[in-house]
Amino acid sequence: MAFVRLVLNFMVAGALLGVLAVSLVGPKYISWDNTVGSGASAMCICQEVAFQGAQRMISFQMTGCAVGAGLGAALGIAFAVMRRKSAVATTPPPAKA
């Protein structure tokens, strides 16, 4: 039970860090991607562009959440296995009576 709890804690932390990272980087990327290049003036339907930007941000956040949870699960499993091996290795042998 402790193994599952540790892995789930790492997954949640990874998911939150993934969403946070995408939330910090995503708006800059979306605005850069939607910028018109070489001095041309933008001719667009602004409501549609805003909707697509918000939709892309949400999809980026969901992807960041999934990637972060996956990496967190992998790190949690690795951490739990290393901790279990070190606990077994440091356990003294039983004393004879």
Protein backbone atom coordinates (compact mmCIF):
# COMPACT_ATOMS: atom_id res chain seq x y z
CA MET A 1 0.00 0.00 0.00
CA ALA A 2 2.86 2.37 0.78
CA PHE A 3 4.35 1.66 -2.67
CA VAL A 4 1.14 2.67 -4.45
CA ARG A 5 0.74 5.77 -2.29
CA LEU A 6 4.32 6.85 -3.03
CA VAL A 7 3.89 6.35 -6.78
CA LEU A 8 0.56 8.23 -6.77
CA ASN A 9 2.15 11.11 -4.86
CA PHE A 10 4.88 11.33 -7.48
CA MET A 11 2.25 11.17 -10.26
CA VAL A 12 0.23 14.02 -8.79
CA ALA A 13 3.34 16.13 -8.22
CA GLY A 14 4.50 15.44 -11.78
CA ALA A 15 1.08 16.30 -13.22
CA LEU A 16 1.00 19.59 -11.32
CA LEU A 17 4.53 20.47 -12.40
CA GLY A 18 3.65 19.62 -16.01
CA VAL A 19 0.60 21.88 -15.99
CA LEU A 20 2.60 24.64 -14.30
CA ALA A 21 5.41 24.41 -16.87
CA VAL A 22 2.97 24.52 -19.79
CA SER A 23 1.04 27.38 -18.22
CA LEU A 24 4.25 29.41 -18.01
CA VAL A 25 5.56 28.60 -21.50
CA GLY A 26 2.33 28.02 -23.45
CA PRO A 27 1.00 31.58 -23.80
CA LYS A 28 4.32 32.83 -25.15
CA TYR A 29 4.46 29.99 -27.66
CA ILE A 30 0.85 30.46 -28.79
CA SER A 31 1.30 34.22 -29.24
CA TRP A 32 4.56 33.64 -31.16
CA ASP A 33 2.88 31.01 -33.33
CA ASN A 34 -0.04 33.34 -34.16
CA THR A 35 2.13 36.39 -34.92
CA VAL A 36 2.16 37.55 -38.52
CA GLY A 37 5.69 37.60 -39.91
CA SER A 38 7.68 40.16 -41.91
CA GLY A 39 5.64 43.26 -41.11
CA ALA A 40 2.38 42.16 -42.77
CA SER A 41 -0.81 43.35 -41.14
CA ALA A 42 -3.07 40.78 -39.56
CA MET A 43 -6.42 40.20 -41.20
CA CYS A 44 -8.33 37.69 -39.15
CA ILE A 45 -11.53 36.93 -37.34
CA CYS A 46 -10.31 37.81 -33.87
CA GLN A 47 -13.02 35.86 -32.03
CA GLU A 48 -12.02 32.67 -33.84
CA VAL A 49 -8.31 33.26 -33.20
CA ALA A 50 -8.98 33.83 -29.49
CA PHE A 51 -11.10 30.66 -29.32
CA GLN A 52 -8.41 28.62 -31.06
CA GLY A 53 -5.72 30.03 -28.76
CA ALA A 54 -7.68 29.09 -25.66
CA GLN A 55 -8.41 25.66 -27.09
CA ARG A 56 -4.73 25.06 -27.86
CA MET A 57 -3.73 26.22 -24.37
CA ILE A 58 -6.11 23.73 -22.77
CA SER A 59 -4.86 20.91 -25.00
CA PHE A 60 -1.25 21.83 -24.16
CA GLN A 61 -2.12 21.78 -20.45
CA MET A 62 -3.73 18.34 -20.75
CA THR A 63 -0.67 17.05 -22.60
CA GLY A 64 1.61 18.55 -19.96
CA CYS A 65 -0.48 16.95 -17.24
CA ALA A 66 -0.28 13.51 -18.90
CA VAL A 67 3.46 13.75 -19.56
CA GLY A 68 4.12 15.00 -16.03
CA ALA A 69 2.04 12.20 -14.52
CA GLY A 70 3.88 9.61 -16.62
CA LEU A 71 7.29 10.96 -15.65
CA GLY A 72 6.18 11.21 -12.03
CA ALA A 73 5.03 7.58 -12.07
CA ALA A 74 8.36 6.46 -13.54
CA LEU A 75 10.31 8.47 -10.97
CA GLY A 76 8.08 7.25 -8.16
CA ILE A 77 8.57 3.61 -9.13
CA ALA A 78 12.34 4.10 -9.43
CA PHE A 79 12.48 5.90 -6.08
CA ALA A 80 10.37 3.24 -4.35
CA VAL A 81 12.47 0.39 -5.75
CA MET A 82 15.74 2.09 -4.73
CA ARG A 83 14.35 2.79 -1.26
CA ARG A 84 13.18 -0.79 -0.88
CA LYS A 85 16.59 -2.16 -1.97
CA SER A 86 18.48 0.09 0.44
CA ALA A 87 16.16 -0.88 3.30
CA VAL A 88 16.75 -4.59 2.59
CA ALA A 89 20.53 -4.11 2.29
CA THR A 90 20.87 -2.20 5.60
CA THR A 91 18.76 -4.62 7.66
CA PRO A 92 21.07 -6.43 10.11
CA PRO A 93 20.94 -10.23 10.20
CA PRO A 94 18.88 -11.72 13.04
CA ALA A 95 20.79 -12.45 16.24
CA LYS A 96 21.15 -16.09 17.30
CA ALA A 97 19.96 -16.99 20.75
